[in-house]
Amino acid sequence: MRLEKAKLIANDLMTYFGLSRLGWRFQFDRAVWRLGVCKYQNKIISISEKLTDINTEDEVLDTILHEIAHAMVGKGIGHGPSWKNMAVEIGCSGKRIASAGHVAIPKKWVLFDTQRNQYTGVKRNRRFSIRYGRYEWRLNDSEGRMS
């Protein structure tokens, strides 16, 4: 989804649900492991710039609504029944987290099992300089090949 469109939708929805009037703001962040977050202390709803850019409008919209539901029910509620009821009421799917099959997350580093000489399927975006015994992090290139 285009960033400009995501920002426009987020701001419009925050105004519609009364959050802007209460001092809530929207912003993008540099996260790569989660699409959205609700920061109660600073009254900020933030979504990942990188993941917004590579995900569908439906996934991004659902994430914006997910975070708005958090802001509306208040801190400390988490993903309990109150949050879920609010999320569904405002048009969110009510899913606790986006599944890996739905939200595209770049896979840059892959854990390699040196004893079995195979990739484990565990992926990260940040390389660790540490080797974990028989495991090591290897780069997954832009075309999905392991190096």
C-alpha atoms as a PDB file:
ATOM      1  CA  MET A   1       0.000   0.000   0.000  1.00  0.00           C
ATOM      2  CA  ARG A   2       1.272   3.476  -0.790  1.00  0.00           C
ATOM      3  CA  LEU A   3       2.479   5.330   2.298  1.00  0.00           C
ATOM      4  CA  GLU A   4       0.599   8.555   1.481  1.00  0.00           C
ATOM      5  CA  LYS A   5      -2.674   6.651   1.222  1.00  0.00           C
ATOM      6  CA  ALA A   6      -2.044   4.757   4.475  1.00  0.00           C
ATOM      7  CA  LYS A   7      -1.338   8.017   6.307  1.00  0.00           C
ATOM      8  CA  LEU A   8      -4.466   9.671   4.916  1.00  0.00           C
ATOM      9  CA  ILE A   9      -6.648   6.699   5.897  1.00  0.00           C
ATOM     10  CA  ALA A  10      -5.124   6.466   9.373  1.00  0.00           C
ATOM     11  CA  ASN A  11      -5.608  10.174  10.068  1.00  0.00           C
ATOM     12  CA  ASP A  12      -9.184  10.097   8.731  1.00  0.00           C
ATOM     13  CA  LEU A  13     -10.065   7.076  10.881  1.00  0.00           C
ATOM     14  CA  MET A  14      -8.453   8.567  13.974  1.00  0.00           C
ATOM     15  CA  THR A  15     -10.512  11.729  13.452  1.00  0.00           C
ATOM     16  CA  TYR A  16     -13.692   9.720  12.788  1.00  0.00           C
ATOM     17  CA  PHE A  17     -13.305   7.711  16.013  1.00  0.00           C
ATOM     18  CA  GLY A  18     -12.447  10.821  18.073  1.00  0.00           C
ATOM     19  CA  LEU A  19      -8.800  10.015  18.787  1.00  0.00           C
ATOM     20  CA  SER A  20      -7.376  13.120  17.083  1.00  0.00           C
ATOM     21  CA  ARG A  21      -9.513  15.313  19.329  1.00  0.00           C
ATOM     22  CA  LEU A  22      -7.969  13.522  22.331  1.00  0.00           C
ATOM     23  CA  GLY A  23      -4.415  14.262  21.152  1.00  0.00           C
ATOM     24  CA  TRP A  24      -3.601  11.004  19.370  1.00  0.00           C
ATOM     25  CA  ARG A  25      -1.251  11.185  16.368  1.00  0.00           C
ATOM     26  CA  PHE A  26      -0.258   8.853  13.565  1.00  0.00           C
ATOM     27  CA  GLN A  27       3.276   8.151  12.364  1.00  0.00           C
ATOM     28  CA  PHE A  28       5.377   5.655  10.465  1.00  0.00           C
ATOM     29  CA  ASP A  29       8.286   3.818  12.074  1.00  0.00           C
ATOM     30  CA  ARG A  30      11.188   1.626  10.966  1.00  0.00           C
ATOM     31  CA  ALA A  31       9.919  -1.679  12.423  1.00  0.00           C
ATOM     32  CA  VAL A  32      10.409  -4.856  10.410  1.00  0.00           C
ATOM     33  CA  TRP A  33       8.892  -7.476  12.743  1.00  0.00           C
ATOM     34  CA  ARG A  34       5.474  -5.978  13.416  1.00  0.00           C
ATOM     35  CA  LEU A  35       3.144  -3.939  11.280  1.00  0.00           C
ATOM     36  CA  GLY A  36       1.586  -1.683  13.919  1.00  0.00           C
ATOM     37  CA  VAL A  37       1.814  -0.487  17.513  1.00  0.00           C
ATOM     38  CA  CYS A  38      -0.260   1.660  19.865  1.00  0.00           C
ATOM     39  CA  LYS A  39       1.856   3.814  22.207  1.00  0.00           C
ATOM     40  CA  TYR A  40      -0.411   4.965  25.031  1.00  0.00           C
ATOM     41  CA  GLN A  41       2.068   7.184  26.863  1.00  0.00           C
ATOM     42  CA  ASN A  42       2.745   9.365  23.806  1.00  0.00           C
ATOM     43  CA  LYS A  43      -0.712   8.862  22.237  1.00  0.00           C
ATOM     44  CA  ILE A  44       0.779   7.591  18.990  1.00  0.00           C
ATOM     45  CA  ILE A  45      -0.457   4.955  16.584  1.00  0.00           C
ATOM     46  CA  SER A  46       2.462   3.877  14.444  1.00  0.00           C
ATOM     47  CA  ILE A  47       2.859   1.458  11.573  1.00  0.00           C
ATOM     48  CA  SER A  48       5.948   0.145   9.844  1.00  0.00           C
ATOM     49  CA  GLU A  49       6.921   2.157   6.797  1.00  0.00           C
ATOM     50  CA  LYS A  50       8.675  -0.797   5.173  1.00  0.00           C
ATOM     51  CA  LEU A  51       5.881  -3.308   5.830  1.00  0.00           C
ATOM     52  CA  THR A  52       3.144  -0.868   4.798  1.00  0.00           C
ATOM     53  CA  ASP A  53       4.878  -0.471   1.467  1.00  0.00           C
ATOM     54  CA  ILE A  54       4.923  -4.220   0.742  1.00  0.00           C
ATOM     55  CA  ASN A  55       1.518  -5.256   2.128  1.00  0.00           C
ATOM     56  CA  THR A  56      -1.984  -5.028   0.724  1.00  0.00           C
ATOM     57  CA  GLU A  57      -4.448  -2.256   1.502  1.00  0.00           C
ATOM     58  CA  ASP A  58      -6.660  -4.754   3.349  1.00  0.00           C
ATOM     59  CA  GLU A  59      -3.842  -5.844   5.676  1.00  0.00           C
ATOM     60  CA  VAL A  60      -2.730  -2.277   6.380  1.00  0.00           C
ATOM     61  CA  LEU A  61      -6.296  -1.063   6.968  1.00  0.00           C
ATOM     62  CA  ASP A  62      -6.946  -3.968   9.345  1.00  0.00           C
ATOM     63  CA  THR A  63      -3.755  -3.110  11.227  1.00  0.00           C
ATOM     64  CA  ILE A  64      -4.720   0.569  11.523  1.00  0.00           C
ATOM     65  CA  LEU A  65      -8.142  -0.435  12.870  1.00  0.00           C
ATOM     66  CA  HIS A  66      -6.463  -2.944  15.216  1.00  0.00           C
ATOM     67  CA  GLU A  67      -4.310  -0.188  16.740  1.00  0.00           C
ATOM     68  CA  ILE A  68      -7.232   2.264  16.900  1.00  0.00           C
ATOM     69  CA  ALA A  69      -9.179  -0.346  18.887  1.00  0.00           C
ATOM     70  CA  HIS A  70      -6.266  -0.514  21.352  1.00  0.00           C
ATOM     71  CA  ALA A  71      -6.314   3.259  21.755  1.00  0.00           C
ATOM     72  CA  MET A  72     -10.082   3.284  22.267  1.00  0.00           C
ATOM     73  CA  VAL A  73     -10.224   0.595  24.987  1.00  0.00           C
ATOM     74  CA  GLY A  74      -7.207   1.938  26.870  1.00  0.00           C
ATOM     75  CA  LYS A  75      -3.942   0.733  28.310  1.00  0.00           C
ATOM     76  CA  GLY A  76      -3.721  -2.619  30.035  1.00  0.00           C
ATOM     77  CA  ILE A  77      -6.576  -4.301  28.154  1.00  0.00           C
ATOM     78  CA  GLY A  78      -4.364  -6.147  25.681  1.00  0.00           C
ATOM     79  CA  HIS A  79      -6.145  -8.476  23.255  1.00  0.00           C
ATOM     80  CA  GLY A  80      -8.882  -9.552  25.669  1.00  0.00           C
ATOM     81  CA  PRO A  81     -12.635  -9.651  25.077  1.00  0.00           C
ATOM     82  CA  SER A  82     -13.087  -5.858  25.488  1.00  0.00           C
ATOM     83  CA  TRP A  83     -10.477  -5.151  22.840  1.00  0.00           C
ATOM     84  CA  LYS A  84     -11.829  -7.813  20.495  1.00  0.00           C
ATOM     85  CA  ASN A  85     -15.397  -6.500  20.821  1.00  0.00           C
ATOM     86  CA  MET A  86     -14.228  -2.956  20.079  1.00  0.00           C
ATOM     87  CA  ALA A  87     -12.053  -4.103  17.172  1.00  0.00           C
ATOM     88  CA  VAL A  88     -14.889  -5.976  15.510  1.00  0.00           C
ATOM     89  CA  GLU A  89     -17.330  -3.121  16.212  1.00  0.00           C
ATOM     90  CA  ILE A  90     -15.151  -0.603  14.354  1.00  0.00           C
ATOM     91  CA  GLY A  91     -14.552  -2.900  11.378  1.00  0.00           C
ATOM     92  CA  CYS A  92     -11.336  -4.731  12.242  1.00  0.00           C
ATOM     93  CA  SER A  93     -11.084  -8.498  11.764  1.00  0.00           C
ATOM     94  CA  GLY A  94     -10.353  -8.861  15.467  1.00  0.00           C
ATOM     95  CA  LYS A  95      -7.283 -11.001  14.836  1.00  0.00           C
ATOM     96  CA  ARG A  96      -4.729 -10.669  17.600  1.00  0.00           C
ATOM     97  CA  ILE A  97      -1.769 -10.609  15.249  1.00  0.00           C
ATOM     98  CA  ALA A  98      -1.422 -10.781  11.535  1.00  0.00           C
ATOM     99  CA  SER A  99      -0.386 -14.249  10.473  1.00  0.00           C
ATOM    100  CA  ALA A 100       2.842 -14.719   8.557  1.00  0.00           C
ATOM    101  CA  GLY A 101       0.786 -15.985   5.640  1.00  0.00           C
ATOM    102  CA  HIS A 102      -0.998 -12.664   5.391  1.00  0.00           C
ATOM    103  CA  VAL A 103       1.555  -9.990   6.223  1.00  0.00           C
ATOM    104  CA  ALA A 104       4.703  -9.861   4.122  1.00  0.00           C
ATOM    105  CA  ILE A 105       7.822  -9.588   6.262  1.00  0.00           C
ATOM    106  CA  PRO A 106      11.176  -9.416   4.494  1.00  0.00           C
ATOM    107  CA  LYS A 107      13.367 -12.425   5.201  1.00  0.00           C
ATOM    108  CA  LYS A 108      16.938 -11.249   5.145  1.00  0.00           C
ATOM    109  CA  TRP A 109      18.810 -13.663   7.437  1.00  0.00           C
ATOM    110  CA  VAL A 110      18.157 -17.393   7.792  1.00  0.00           C
ATOM    111  CA  LEU A 111      19.340 -19.771  10.528  1.00  0.00           C
ATOM    112  CA  PHE A 112      21.520 -22.568   9.082  1.00  0.00           C
ATOM    113  CA  ASP A 113      22.094 -25.928  10.821  1.00  0.00           C
ATOM    114  CA  THR A 114      25.786 -26.710  10.185  1.00  0.00           C
ATOM    115  CA  GLN A 115      25.519 -30.346  11.363  1.00  0.00           C
ATOM    116  CA  ARG A 116      22.631 -31.215   9.082  1.00  0.00           C
ATOM    117  CA  ASN A 117      23.834 -28.842   6.357  1.00  0.00           C
ATOM    118  CA  GLN A 118      20.347 -27.379   5.895  1.00  0.00           C
ATOM    119  CA  TYR A 119      18.321 -24.263   6.573  1.00  0.00           C
ATOM    120  CA  THR A 120      15.992 -24.365   9.572  1.00  0.00           C
ATOM    121  CA  GLY A 121      13.295 -22.005   8.295  1.00  0.00           C
ATOM    122  CA  VAL A 122      13.922 -19.586  11.190  1.00  0.00           C
ATOM    123  CA  LYS A 123      14.374 -16.117   9.730  1.00  0.00           C
ATOM    124  CA  ARG A 124      15.435 -12.708  11.046  1.00  0.00           C
ATOM    125  CA  ASN A 125      16.160  -9.275   9.649  1.00  0.00           C
ATOM    126  CA  ARG A 126      19.188  -8.561  11.756  1.00  0.00           C
ATOM    127  CA  ARG A 127      22.399 -10.564  11.577  1.00  0.00           C
ATOM    128  CA  PHE A 128      23.897 -11.846  14.802  1.00  0.00           C
ATOM    129  CA  SER A 129      27.652 -12.038  14.994  1.00  0.00           C
ATOM    130  CA  ILE A 130      27.304 -14.905  17.453  1.00  0.00           C
ATOM    131  CA  ARG A 131      27.258 -18.520  16.331  1.00  0.00           C
ATOM    132  CA  TYR A 132      24.918 -20.783  18.275  1.00  0.00           C
ATOM    133  CA  GLY A 133      26.924 -24.006  18.381  1.00  0.00           C
ATOM    134  CA  ARG A 134      25.767 -25.865  15.309  1.00  0.00           C
ATOM    135  CA  TYR A 135      23.686 -22.914  14.028  1.00  0.00           C
ATOM    136  CA  GLU A 136      24.788 -19.789  12.196  1.00  0.00           C
ATOM    137  CA  TRP A 137      23.007 -16.906  10.478  1.00  0.00           C
ATOM    138  CA  ARG A 138      23.344 -16.778   6.693  1.00  0.00           C
ATOM    139  CA  LEU A 139      22.201 -14.122   4.276  1.00  0.00           C
ATOM    140  CA  ASN A 140      19.121 -14.744   2.150  1.00  0.00           C
ATOM    141  CA  ASP A 141      19.599 -12.681  -1.030  1.00  0.00           C
ATOM    142  CA  SER A 142      16.919 -10.519  -2.670  1.00  0.00           C
ATOM    143  CA  GLU A 143      15.859 -13.366  -4.992  1.00  0.00           C
ATOM    144  CA  GLY A 144      15.254 -15.775  -2.110  1.00  0.00           C
ATOM    145  CA  ARG A 145      18.440 -17.814  -2.565  1.00  0.00           C
ATOM    146  CA  MET A 146      20.482 -18.713   0.478  1.00  0.00           C
ATOM    147  CA  SER A 147      24.165 -17.864   0.470  1.00  0.00           C
END
